[in-house]
N, C-alpha and C. Protein backbone atom coordinates (compact mmCIF):
# COMPACT_ATOMS: atom_id res chain seq x y z
N UNK A 1 -108.59 54.16 -19.14
CA UNK A 1 -107.57 54.85 -18.39
C UNK A 1 -106.67 55.63 -19.35
N UNK A 2 -106.12 56.71 -18.86
CA UNK A 2 -105.32 57.60 -19.70
C UNK A 2 -103.85 57.18 -19.73
N UNK A 3 -103.20 57.58 -20.80
CA UNK A 3 -101.76 57.40 -20.98
C UNK A 3 -101.16 58.81 -20.87
N UNK A 4 -100.29 59.03 -19.89
CA UNK A 4 -99.80 60.37 -19.55
C UNK A 4 -98.29 60.46 -19.74
N UNK A 5 -97.84 61.53 -20.36
CA UNK A 5 -96.42 61.87 -20.44
C UNK A 5 -96.21 63.08 -19.54
N UNK A 6 -95.51 62.87 -18.42
CA UNK A 6 -95.36 63.88 -17.37
C UNK A 6 -93.93 64.41 -17.33
N UNK A 7 -93.78 65.73 -17.45
CA UNK A 7 -92.47 66.38 -17.45
C UNK A 7 -92.23 67.12 -16.14
N UNK A 8 -91.02 66.97 -15.61
CA UNK A 8 -90.65 67.57 -14.34
C UNK A 8 -90.36 69.07 -14.46
N UNK A 9 -90.14 69.70 -13.33
CA UNK A 9 -89.87 71.13 -13.21
C UNK A 9 -88.36 71.39 -13.16
N UNK A 10 -87.98 72.63 -12.85
CA UNK A 10 -86.58 73.05 -12.90
C UNK A 10 -85.68 72.43 -11.84
N UNK A 11 -86.25 71.83 -10.79
CA UNK A 11 -85.42 71.13 -9.82
C UNK A 11 -84.90 69.81 -10.40
N UNK A 12 -85.57 69.30 -11.43
CA UNK A 12 -85.25 68.01 -12.01
C UNK A 12 -86.28 66.98 -11.62
N UNK A 13 -85.97 65.73 -11.88
CA UNK A 13 -86.89 64.63 -11.60
C UNK A 13 -86.79 64.26 -10.12
N UNK A 14 -87.49 65.01 -9.29
CA UNK A 14 -87.44 64.86 -7.84
C UNK A 14 -88.29 63.67 -7.39
N UNK A 15 -88.10 63.28 -6.14
CA UNK A 15 -88.94 62.22 -5.58
C UNK A 15 -90.40 62.65 -5.53
N UNK A 16 -90.65 63.95 -5.39
CA UNK A 16 -92.03 64.44 -5.37
C UNK A 16 -92.72 64.29 -6.71
N UNK A 17 -91.99 64.51 -7.80
CA UNK A 17 -92.56 64.30 -9.14
C UNK A 17 -92.83 62.81 -9.34
N UNK A 18 -91.88 61.99 -8.93
CA UNK A 18 -92.06 60.53 -9.06
C UNK A 18 -93.27 60.07 -8.23
N UNK A 19 -93.42 60.64 -7.05
CA UNK A 19 -94.55 60.29 -6.18
C UNK A 19 -95.87 60.68 -6.82
N UNK A 20 -95.92 61.86 -7.43
CA UNK A 20 -97.13 62.31 -8.13
C UNK A 20 -97.49 61.32 -9.24
N UNK A 21 -96.48 60.89 -10.00
CA UNK A 21 -96.70 59.91 -11.06
C UNK A 21 -97.26 58.60 -10.48
N UNK A 22 -96.75 58.19 -9.32
CA UNK A 22 -97.22 56.96 -8.69
C UNK A 22 -98.69 57.07 -8.27
N UNK A 23 -99.09 58.23 -7.80
CA UNK A 23 -100.50 58.44 -7.44
C UNK A 23 -101.38 58.22 -8.67
N UNK A 24 -100.96 58.76 -9.80
CA UNK A 24 -101.73 58.58 -11.04
C UNK A 24 -101.73 57.10 -11.46
N UNK A 25 -100.61 56.44 -11.30
CA UNK A 25 -100.54 55.01 -11.65
C UNK A 25 -101.46 54.18 -10.77
N UNK A 26 -101.46 54.48 -9.47
CA UNK A 26 -102.33 53.73 -8.55
C UNK A 26 -103.81 53.91 -8.91
N UNK A 27 -104.12 55.01 -9.57
CA UNK A 27 -105.50 55.24 -10.01
C UNK A 27 -105.78 54.53 -11.34
N UNK A 28 -104.78 53.82 -11.88
CA UNK A 28 -104.98 53.03 -13.08
C UNK A 28 -104.44 53.61 -14.37
N UNK A 29 -103.80 54.77 -14.29
CA UNK A 29 -103.29 55.42 -15.50
C UNK A 29 -101.85 54.96 -15.78
N UNK A 30 -101.49 54.99 -17.03
CA UNK A 30 -100.11 54.73 -17.44
C UNK A 30 -99.39 56.06 -17.45
N UNK A 31 -98.24 56.15 -16.78
CA UNK A 31 -97.53 57.43 -16.68
C UNK A 31 -96.06 57.23 -17.07
N UNK A 32 -95.62 58.01 -18.04
CA UNK A 32 -94.22 58.04 -18.47
C UNK A 32 -93.60 59.30 -17.90
N UNK A 33 -92.43 59.19 -17.27
CA UNK A 33 -91.80 60.33 -16.62
C UNK A 33 -90.34 60.43 -17.08
N UNK A 34 -90.10 61.07 -18.22
CA UNK A 34 -88.73 61.19 -18.71
C UNK A 34 -87.91 62.16 -17.87
N UNK A 35 -86.62 61.98 -17.90
CA UNK A 35 -85.69 62.86 -17.17
C UNK A 35 -85.06 63.82 -18.17
N UNK A 36 -85.55 65.04 -18.20
CA UNK A 36 -85.05 66.05 -19.13
C UNK A 36 -83.69 66.60 -18.73
N UNK A 37 -83.26 66.29 -17.50
CA UNK A 37 -81.99 66.80 -16.97
C UNK A 37 -80.89 65.74 -16.95
N UNK A 38 -81.15 64.58 -17.52
CA UNK A 38 -80.16 63.52 -17.63
C UNK A 38 -79.53 63.17 -16.28
N UNK A 39 -80.39 63.01 -15.28
CA UNK A 39 -79.94 62.56 -13.97
C UNK A 39 -79.64 63.66 -12.96
N UNK A 40 -79.65 64.89 -13.38
CA UNK A 40 -79.35 65.98 -12.44
C UNK A 40 -80.61 66.39 -11.68
N UNK A 41 -80.46 66.60 -10.39
CA UNK A 41 -81.52 67.12 -9.53
C UNK A 41 -80.90 68.23 -8.69
N UNK A 42 -81.62 69.34 -8.55
CA UNK A 42 -81.09 70.51 -7.85
C UNK A 42 -81.94 70.82 -6.62
N UNK A 43 -81.25 71.05 -5.49
CA UNK A 43 -81.95 71.41 -4.25
C UNK A 43 -82.56 72.80 -4.34
N UNK A 44 -81.85 73.71 -5.00
CA UNK A 44 -82.31 75.10 -5.10
C UNK A 44 -82.91 75.36 -6.49
N UNK A 45 -84.08 75.99 -6.51
CA UNK A 45 -84.74 76.31 -7.76
C UNK A 45 -83.84 77.15 -8.66
N UNK A 46 -83.12 78.09 -8.06
CA UNK A 46 -82.24 78.96 -8.85
C UNK A 46 -81.17 78.16 -9.59
N UNK A 47 -80.63 77.12 -8.93
CA UNK A 47 -79.60 76.29 -9.56
C UNK A 47 -80.18 75.48 -10.72
N UNK A 48 -81.38 74.94 -10.52
CA UNK A 48 -82.04 74.19 -11.58
C UNK A 48 -82.40 75.08 -12.75
N UNK A 49 -82.88 76.28 -12.46
CA UNK A 49 -83.21 77.22 -13.53
C UNK A 49 -81.96 77.64 -14.29
N UNK A 50 -80.85 77.82 -13.56
CA UNK A 50 -79.59 78.17 -14.22
C UNK A 50 -79.13 77.04 -15.14
N UNK A 51 -79.30 75.79 -14.68
CA UNK A 51 -78.94 74.65 -15.52
C UNK A 51 -79.80 74.63 -16.79
N UNK A 52 -81.09 74.86 -16.64
CA UNK A 52 -81.99 74.88 -17.80
C UNK A 52 -81.60 75.98 -18.77
N UNK A 53 -81.26 77.14 -18.22
CA UNK A 53 -80.86 78.26 -19.07
C UNK A 53 -79.54 77.96 -19.79
N UNK A 54 -78.60 77.39 -19.06
CA UNK A 54 -77.30 77.03 -19.63
C UNK A 54 -77.46 75.96 -20.72
N UNK A 55 -78.31 74.97 -20.46
CA UNK A 55 -78.57 73.91 -21.42
C UNK A 55 -79.32 74.45 -22.63
N UNK A 56 -80.21 75.38 -22.36
CA UNK A 56 -81.03 75.99 -23.42
C UNK A 56 -82.44 75.45 -23.36
N UNK A 57 -83.41 76.37 -23.32
CA UNK A 57 -84.81 75.94 -23.25
C UNK A 57 -85.19 75.17 -24.51
N UNK A 58 -84.61 75.52 -25.64
CA UNK A 58 -84.85 74.77 -26.87
C UNK A 58 -84.41 73.33 -26.74
N UNK A 59 -83.27 73.11 -26.08
CA UNK A 59 -82.77 71.74 -25.86
C UNK A 59 -83.69 70.98 -24.91
N UNK A 60 -84.15 71.63 -23.85
CA UNK A 60 -85.06 71.00 -22.90
C UNK A 60 -86.35 70.60 -23.61
N UNK A 61 -86.89 71.49 -24.43
CA UNK A 61 -88.12 71.20 -25.18
C UNK A 61 -87.87 70.04 -26.14
N UNK A 62 -86.73 70.06 -26.81
CA UNK A 62 -86.41 68.98 -27.75
C UNK A 62 -86.28 67.64 -27.03
N UNK A 63 -85.69 67.63 -25.85
CA UNK A 63 -85.62 66.38 -25.07
C UNK A 63 -87.02 65.87 -24.76
N UNK A 64 -87.94 66.78 -24.50
CA UNK A 64 -89.32 66.37 -24.26
C UNK A 64 -89.97 65.82 -25.51
N UNK A 65 -89.71 66.43 -26.64
CA UNK A 65 -90.26 65.95 -27.91
C UNK A 65 -89.73 64.55 -28.22
N UNK A 66 -88.44 64.37 -28.01
CA UNK A 66 -87.82 63.06 -28.26
C UNK A 66 -88.40 62.00 -27.32
N UNK A 67 -88.69 62.39 -26.08
CA UNK A 67 -89.27 61.45 -25.11
C UNK A 67 -90.62 60.93 -25.59
N UNK A 68 -91.33 61.72 -26.39
CA UNK A 68 -92.64 61.31 -26.89
C UNK A 68 -92.53 60.34 -28.07
N UNK A 69 -91.40 60.34 -28.74
CA UNK A 69 -91.21 59.45 -29.88
C UNK A 69 -91.30 58.01 -29.40
N UNK A 70 -91.97 57.19 -30.15
CA UNK A 70 -92.12 55.80 -29.78
C UNK A 70 -93.30 55.54 -28.85
N UNK A 71 -93.87 56.60 -28.30
CA UNK A 71 -95.08 56.46 -27.48
C UNK A 71 -96.29 56.70 -28.38
N UNK A 72 -97.44 56.18 -27.99
CA UNK A 72 -98.64 56.43 -28.80
C UNK A 72 -98.93 57.93 -28.88
N UNK A 73 -99.59 58.33 -29.94
CA UNK A 73 -99.96 59.74 -30.09
C UNK A 73 -101.07 60.15 -29.14
N UNK A 74 -101.84 59.19 -28.69
CA UNK A 74 -103.01 59.46 -27.85
C UNK A 74 -102.60 59.62 -26.39
N UNK A 75 -101.86 60.67 -26.11
CA UNK A 75 -101.36 60.93 -24.76
C UNK A 75 -101.99 62.18 -24.17
N UNK A 76 -102.00 62.21 -22.85
CA UNK A 76 -102.23 63.45 -22.12
C UNK A 76 -100.84 63.96 -21.77
N UNK A 77 -100.55 65.20 -22.13
CA UNK A 77 -99.25 65.80 -21.87
C UNK A 77 -99.36 66.66 -20.62
N UNK A 78 -98.49 66.39 -19.66
CA UNK A 78 -98.54 67.09 -18.37
C UNK A 78 -97.16 67.63 -18.02
N UNK A 79 -97.14 68.79 -17.39
CA UNK A 79 -95.86 69.35 -16.98
C UNK A 79 -95.99 70.21 -15.75
N UNK A 80 -94.92 70.17 -14.95
CA UNK A 80 -94.79 71.06 -13.80
C UNK A 80 -93.86 72.19 -14.20
N UNK A 81 -94.32 73.42 -14.20
CA UNK A 81 -93.50 74.60 -14.42
C UNK A 81 -92.67 74.49 -15.70
N UNK A 82 -91.36 74.33 -15.61
CA UNK A 82 -90.51 74.18 -16.79
C UNK A 82 -91.03 73.07 -17.70
N UNK A 83 -91.54 72.01 -17.13
CA UNK A 83 -92.07 70.89 -17.90
C UNK A 83 -93.30 71.23 -18.72
N UNK A 84 -93.92 72.38 -18.42
CA UNK A 84 -95.05 72.83 -19.23
C UNK A 84 -94.60 73.14 -20.65
N UNK A 85 -93.36 73.57 -20.83
CA UNK A 85 -92.90 73.91 -22.18
C UNK A 85 -93.03 72.72 -23.13
N UNK A 86 -92.40 71.57 -22.85
CA UNK A 86 -92.60 70.45 -23.77
C UNK A 86 -94.03 69.91 -23.76
N UNK A 87 -94.69 69.93 -22.60
CA UNK A 87 -96.07 69.42 -22.53
C UNK A 87 -96.99 70.25 -23.41
N UNK A 88 -96.87 71.56 -23.33
CA UNK A 88 -97.75 72.41 -24.12
C UNK A 88 -97.41 72.33 -25.60
N UNK A 89 -96.12 72.28 -25.93
CA UNK A 89 -95.71 72.11 -27.33
C UNK A 89 -96.35 70.84 -27.91
N UNK A 90 -96.20 69.72 -27.22
CA UNK A 90 -96.71 68.46 -27.73
C UNK A 90 -98.23 68.45 -27.80
N UNK A 91 -98.89 68.99 -26.80
CA UNK A 91 -100.35 69.04 -26.82
C UNK A 91 -100.86 69.86 -28.01
N UNK A 92 -100.13 70.91 -28.34
CA UNK A 92 -100.56 71.78 -29.44
C UNK A 92 -100.14 71.28 -30.81
N UNK A 93 -99.11 70.44 -30.89
CA UNK A 93 -98.56 70.12 -32.22
C UNK A 93 -98.55 68.64 -32.58
N UNK A 94 -98.65 67.75 -31.62
CA UNK A 94 -98.56 66.32 -31.92
C UNK A 94 -99.95 65.75 -32.14
N UNK A 95 -100.14 65.11 -33.26
CA UNK A 95 -101.44 64.55 -33.61
C UNK A 95 -101.88 63.53 -32.56
N UNK A 96 -103.17 63.56 -32.25
CA UNK A 96 -103.76 62.58 -31.36
C UNK A 96 -103.79 62.96 -29.90
N UNK A 97 -103.31 64.15 -29.55
CA UNK A 97 -103.28 64.55 -28.13
C UNK A 97 -104.66 64.40 -27.51
N UNK A 98 -104.68 63.82 -26.32
CA UNK A 98 -105.93 63.60 -25.59
C UNK A 98 -106.21 64.67 -24.55
N UNK A 99 -105.19 65.49 -24.23
CA UNK A 99 -105.38 66.52 -23.24
C UNK A 99 -104.06 67.07 -22.75
N UNK A 100 -104.14 68.11 -21.92
CA UNK A 100 -102.95 68.73 -21.35
C UNK A 100 -103.24 69.15 -19.91
N UNK A 101 -102.23 68.95 -19.07
CA UNK A 101 -102.26 69.37 -17.67
C UNK A 101 -101.07 70.29 -17.46
N UNK A 102 -101.34 71.58 -17.30
CA UNK A 102 -100.29 72.59 -17.18
C UNK A 102 -100.28 73.08 -15.73
N UNK A 103 -99.26 72.66 -14.99
CA UNK A 103 -99.22 72.95 -13.56
C UNK A 103 -98.09 73.93 -13.25
N UNK A 104 -98.46 75.04 -12.63
CA UNK A 104 -97.53 76.08 -12.18
C UNK A 104 -97.02 76.96 -13.32
N UNK A 105 -97.51 76.77 -14.54
CA UNK A 105 -97.05 77.58 -15.66
C UNK A 105 -98.02 77.45 -16.83
N UNK A 106 -97.96 78.42 -17.72
CA UNK A 106 -98.70 78.40 -18.98
C UNK A 106 -98.04 79.45 -19.87
N UNK A 107 -97.76 79.09 -21.10
CA UNK A 107 -97.19 80.06 -22.04
C UNK A 107 -98.26 80.43 -23.05
N UNK A 108 -98.12 81.59 -23.70
CA UNK A 108 -99.10 81.95 -24.72
C UNK A 108 -99.19 80.88 -25.80
N UNK A 109 -100.39 80.58 -26.22
CA UNK A 109 -100.62 79.57 -27.26
C UNK A 109 -99.81 79.90 -28.50
N UNK A 110 -99.61 81.18 -28.77
CA UNK A 110 -98.88 81.61 -29.98
C UNK A 110 -97.42 81.14 -30.00
N UNK A 111 -96.89 80.69 -28.86
CA UNK A 111 -95.52 80.16 -28.83
C UNK A 111 -95.39 78.91 -29.69
N UNK A 112 -96.48 78.15 -29.80
CA UNK A 112 -96.41 76.85 -30.48
C UNK A 112 -97.43 76.70 -31.61
N UNK A 113 -98.18 77.74 -31.93
CA UNK A 113 -99.15 77.63 -33.02
C UNK A 113 -100.09 78.82 -33.04
N UNK A 114 -101.09 78.73 -33.90
CA UNK A 114 -102.04 79.83 -34.06
C UNK A 114 -103.16 79.80 -33.02
N UNK A 115 -103.54 78.58 -32.62
CA UNK A 115 -104.65 78.43 -31.68
C UNK A 115 -104.50 77.10 -30.95
N UNK A 116 -105.21 76.98 -29.83
CA UNK A 116 -105.23 75.71 -29.12
C UNK A 116 -105.99 74.72 -29.99
N UNK A 117 -105.51 73.47 -30.09
CA UNK A 117 -106.17 72.51 -30.96
C UNK A 117 -107.60 72.17 -30.51
N UNK A 118 -108.49 72.12 -31.46
CA UNK A 118 -109.89 71.78 -31.22
C UNK A 118 -109.99 70.38 -30.62
N UNK A 119 -110.80 70.25 -29.58
CA UNK A 119 -111.06 68.94 -29.01
C UNK A 119 -110.00 68.43 -28.05
N UNK A 120 -109.02 69.27 -27.69
CA UNK A 120 -107.98 68.87 -26.74
C UNK A 120 -108.23 69.61 -25.42
N UNK A 121 -108.78 68.93 -24.43
CA UNK A 121 -109.07 69.61 -23.17
C UNK A 121 -107.77 69.94 -22.41
N UNK A 122 -107.84 70.99 -21.62
CA UNK A 122 -106.67 71.42 -20.87
C UNK A 122 -107.08 71.94 -19.50
N UNK A 123 -106.30 71.58 -18.50
CA UNK A 123 -106.42 72.16 -17.16
C UNK A 123 -105.14 72.91 -16.86
N UNK A 124 -105.29 74.08 -16.23
CA UNK A 124 -104.15 74.89 -15.80
C UNK A 124 -104.29 75.12 -14.30
N UNK A 125 -103.20 74.89 -13.56
CA UNK A 125 -103.21 75.02 -12.10
C UNK A 125 -102.08 75.95 -11.65
N UNK A 126 -102.39 76.88 -10.76
CA UNK A 126 -101.36 77.75 -10.20
C UNK A 126 -101.87 78.49 -8.98
N UNK A 127 -100.95 79.02 -8.21
CA UNK A 127 -101.34 79.82 -7.04
C UNK A 127 -101.52 81.28 -7.44
N UNK A 128 -102.52 81.91 -6.83
CA UNK A 128 -102.90 83.26 -7.23
C UNK A 128 -101.88 84.33 -6.88
N UNK A 129 -100.96 84.05 -5.94
CA UNK A 129 -99.94 85.04 -5.58
C UNK A 129 -98.52 84.52 -5.82
N UNK A 130 -98.39 83.46 -6.62
CA UNK A 130 -97.08 82.92 -6.98
C UNK A 130 -96.38 83.93 -7.89
N UNK A 131 -95.20 84.38 -7.48
CA UNK A 131 -94.49 85.41 -8.26
C UNK A 131 -94.16 84.94 -9.67
N UNK A 132 -93.97 83.63 -9.87
CA UNK A 132 -93.65 83.13 -11.21
C UNK A 132 -94.91 82.95 -12.05
N UNK A 133 -95.95 82.40 -11.46
CA UNK A 133 -97.19 82.14 -12.22
C UNK A 133 -98.01 83.41 -12.40
N UNK A 134 -98.28 84.10 -11.31
CA UNK A 134 -99.13 85.29 -11.37
C UNK A 134 -98.36 86.54 -11.78
N UNK A 135 -97.05 86.54 -11.55
CA UNK A 135 -96.29 87.75 -11.77
C UNK A 135 -95.50 87.82 -13.07
N UNK A 136 -95.40 86.70 -13.80
CA UNK A 136 -94.57 86.72 -15.00
C UNK A 136 -95.35 86.47 -16.29
N UNK A 137 -96.65 86.64 -16.25
CA UNK A 137 -97.43 86.52 -17.48
C UNK A 137 -98.10 85.17 -17.69
N UNK A 138 -97.75 84.17 -16.89
CA UNK A 138 -98.36 82.85 -17.05
C UNK A 138 -99.87 82.89 -16.78
N UNK A 139 -100.24 83.62 -15.74
CA UNK A 139 -101.66 83.72 -15.42
C UNK A 139 -102.42 84.41 -16.55
N UNK A 140 -101.84 85.45 -17.13
CA UNK A 140 -102.48 86.12 -18.27
C UNK A 140 -102.63 85.15 -19.44
N UNK A 141 -101.59 84.37 -19.72
CA UNK A 141 -101.65 83.39 -20.81
C UNK A 141 -102.72 82.35 -20.52
N UNK A 142 -102.82 81.92 -19.26
CA UNK A 142 -103.82 80.94 -18.87
C UNK A 142 -105.23 81.51 -19.05
N UNK A 143 -105.44 82.73 -18.63
CA UNK A 143 -106.77 83.34 -18.77
C UNK A 143 -107.15 83.49 -20.23
N UNK A 144 -106.19 83.88 -21.07
CA UNK A 144 -106.45 84.00 -22.50
C UNK A 144 -106.81 82.65 -23.10
N UNK A 145 -106.09 81.62 -22.71
CA UNK A 145 -106.38 80.27 -23.19
C UNK A 145 -107.80 79.85 -22.81
N UNK A 146 -108.17 80.10 -21.57
CA UNK A 146 -109.51 79.74 -21.10
C UNK A 146 -110.59 80.53 -21.85
N UNK A 147 -110.31 81.79 -22.15
CA UNK A 147 -111.28 82.63 -22.86
C UNK A 147 -111.46 82.22 -24.31
N UNK A 148 -110.46 81.60 -24.90
CA UNK A 148 -110.50 81.29 -26.33
C UNK A 148 -110.70 79.81 -26.63
N UNK A 149 -110.82 78.99 -25.60
CA UNK A 149 -110.95 77.55 -25.79
C UNK A 149 -112.07 77.03 -24.91
N UNK A 150 -112.98 76.31 -25.51
CA UNK A 150 -114.13 75.82 -24.74
C UNK A 150 -113.76 74.71 -23.77
N UNK A 151 -112.71 73.97 -24.05
CA UNK A 151 -112.34 72.82 -23.21
C UNK A 151 -111.19 73.14 -22.27
N UNK A 152 -111.13 74.38 -21.77
CA UNK A 152 -110.04 74.79 -20.89
C UNK A 152 -110.58 75.20 -19.53
N UNK A 153 -109.85 74.80 -18.47
CA UNK A 153 -110.20 75.17 -17.11
C UNK A 153 -108.97 75.73 -16.42
N UNK A 154 -109.16 76.79 -15.67
CA UNK A 154 -108.10 77.40 -14.87
C UNK A 154 -108.47 77.27 -13.41
N UNK A 155 -107.55 76.69 -12.63
CA UNK A 155 -107.76 76.56 -11.20
C UNK A 155 -106.70 77.36 -10.47
N UNK A 156 -107.16 78.35 -9.69
CA UNK A 156 -106.27 79.16 -8.88
C UNK A 156 -106.41 78.75 -7.42
N UNK A 157 -105.29 78.62 -6.76
CA UNK A 157 -105.23 78.20 -5.37
C UNK A 157 -104.71 79.38 -4.56
N UNK A 158 -105.23 79.61 -3.35
CA UNK A 158 -104.72 80.72 -2.55
C UNK A 158 -103.30 80.42 -2.07
N UNK A 159 -102.42 81.38 -2.26
CA UNK A 159 -101.06 81.21 -1.77
C UNK A 159 -100.03 81.74 -2.74
N UNK A 160 -98.77 81.68 -2.29
CA UNK A 160 -97.70 82.26 -3.09
C UNK A 160 -96.59 81.26 -3.43
N UNK A 161 -96.85 79.98 -3.22
CA UNK A 161 -95.82 78.98 -3.51
C UNK A 161 -95.86 78.59 -4.98
N UNK A 162 -94.69 78.37 -5.55
CA UNK A 162 -94.64 78.03 -6.97
C UNK A 162 -94.87 76.54 -7.19
N UNK A 163 -94.02 75.70 -6.68
CA UNK A 163 -94.12 74.25 -6.91
C UNK A 163 -94.83 73.57 -5.74
N UNK A 164 -96.07 73.99 -5.51
CA UNK A 164 -96.80 73.56 -4.33
C UNK A 164 -97.25 72.10 -4.38
N UNK A 165 -97.18 71.46 -5.54
CA UNK A 165 -97.66 70.08 -5.66
C UNK A 165 -96.55 69.04 -5.53
N UNK A 166 -95.31 69.47 -5.33
CA UNK A 166 -94.18 68.55 -5.19
C UNK A 166 -93.90 68.33 -3.71
N UNK A 167 -94.23 67.14 -3.22
CA UNK A 167 -94.13 66.85 -1.80
C UNK A 167 -92.69 66.80 -1.29
N UNK A 168 -91.71 66.80 -2.17
CA UNK A 168 -90.31 66.74 -1.73
C UNK A 168 -89.68 68.12 -1.55
N UNK A 169 -90.44 69.17 -1.82
CA UNK A 169 -89.89 70.53 -1.76
C UNK A 169 -90.49 71.32 -0.59
N UNK A 170 -89.75 72.31 -0.08
CA UNK A 170 -90.28 73.15 1.00
C UNK A 170 -91.53 73.93 0.60
N UNK A 171 -91.73 74.15 -0.69
CA UNK A 171 -92.89 74.91 -1.17
C UNK A 171 -94.18 74.09 -1.18
N UNK A 172 -94.10 72.82 -0.81
CA UNK A 172 -95.26 71.93 -0.85
C UNK A 172 -96.38 72.46 0.05
N UNK A 173 -97.59 72.45 -0.51
CA UNK A 173 -98.79 72.85 0.23
C UNK A 173 -99.75 71.67 0.15
N UNK A 174 -99.86 70.91 1.23
CA UNK A 174 -100.63 69.67 1.20
C UNK A 174 -102.08 69.88 0.79
N UNK A 175 -102.72 70.90 1.32
CA UNK A 175 -104.13 71.12 1.01
C UNK A 175 -104.32 71.45 -0.47
N UNK A 176 -103.52 72.36 -1.00
CA UNK A 176 -103.62 72.73 -2.41
C UNK A 176 -103.23 71.56 -3.31
N UNK A 177 -102.18 70.83 -2.91
CA UNK A 177 -101.72 69.69 -3.71
C UNK A 177 -102.78 68.59 -3.77
N UNK A 178 -103.45 68.36 -2.66
CA UNK A 178 -104.51 67.34 -2.63
C UNK A 178 -105.64 67.72 -3.57
N UNK A 179 -106.04 68.98 -3.55
CA UNK A 179 -107.11 69.44 -4.43
C UNK A 179 -106.66 69.36 -5.89
N UNK A 180 -105.44 69.78 -6.19
CA UNK A 180 -104.91 69.68 -7.55
C UNK A 180 -104.95 68.22 -8.01
N UNK A 181 -104.50 67.32 -7.17
CA UNK A 181 -104.46 65.90 -7.53
C UNK A 181 -105.87 65.37 -7.80
N UNK A 182 -106.82 65.73 -6.97
CA UNK A 182 -108.21 65.31 -7.18
C UNK A 182 -108.72 65.81 -8.53
N UNK A 183 -108.42 67.06 -8.85
CA UNK A 183 -108.88 67.63 -10.12
C UNK A 183 -108.19 66.97 -11.31
N UNK A 184 -106.89 66.68 -11.17
CA UNK A 184 -106.16 65.99 -12.23
C UNK A 184 -106.74 64.60 -12.45
N UNK A 185 -106.99 63.87 -11.37
CA UNK A 185 -107.56 62.53 -11.51
C UNK A 185 -108.95 62.58 -12.15
N UNK A 186 -109.75 63.56 -11.80
CA UNK A 186 -111.05 63.73 -12.44
C UNK A 186 -110.92 64.01 -13.93
N UNK A 187 -109.95 64.85 -14.28
CA UNK A 187 -109.67 65.15 -15.68
C UNK A 187 -109.28 63.88 -16.44
N UNK A 188 -108.34 63.12 -15.86
CA UNK A 188 -107.86 61.90 -16.52
C UNK A 188 -108.98 60.86 -16.65
N UNK A 189 -109.85 60.78 -15.67
CA UNK A 189 -110.96 59.84 -15.75
C UNK A 189 -111.92 60.22 -16.86
N UNK A 190 -111.96 61.50 -17.23
CA UNK A 190 -112.86 61.94 -18.29
C UNK A 190 -112.27 61.91 -19.68
N UNK A 191 -110.98 61.56 -19.79
CA UNK A 191 -110.33 61.50 -21.11
C UNK A 191 -110.88 60.31 -21.88
N UNK A 192 -111.29 60.58 -23.09
CA UNK A 192 -111.86 59.52 -23.94
C UNK A 192 -110.83 59.05 -24.95
């Protein structure tokens, strides 16, 4: 079974993120879910994004790095949207990474290194008409990653919702979220 470090999105550590972690735990995986917002949860995405911007993306990433300290190096790093930043950083730079799950976002590999690390599988999930994923360069970064890495998969879902896998948000899409979860569980079952 996999050991997963899961980072939340810009709304904060919502009940939907906690529920997703529980699904993975029920499948037998160990899941760590740090709170990068120190207890704050925002109803509106804009408010959460403003908090992240005010706090500083560097600080958010550093909180994610610190959350990994004391945990084994052999982790799968997972993130929803904003949480992709620390997840991708750690997957690319921390020795022993077993994989990465980048949901609703992907940044260019060059943000954290020269290339994606050899032998670290990655899945990227997003909606094909999501203004944040498809419209702000994340989809391009994901396609480039898939083209340059043999162990990378990109899954596009029809629709325009950003955080479609969080059951506590209005953007939740049950059909897409169920498929994402099935694919994530398959990925985790294949982690060696």
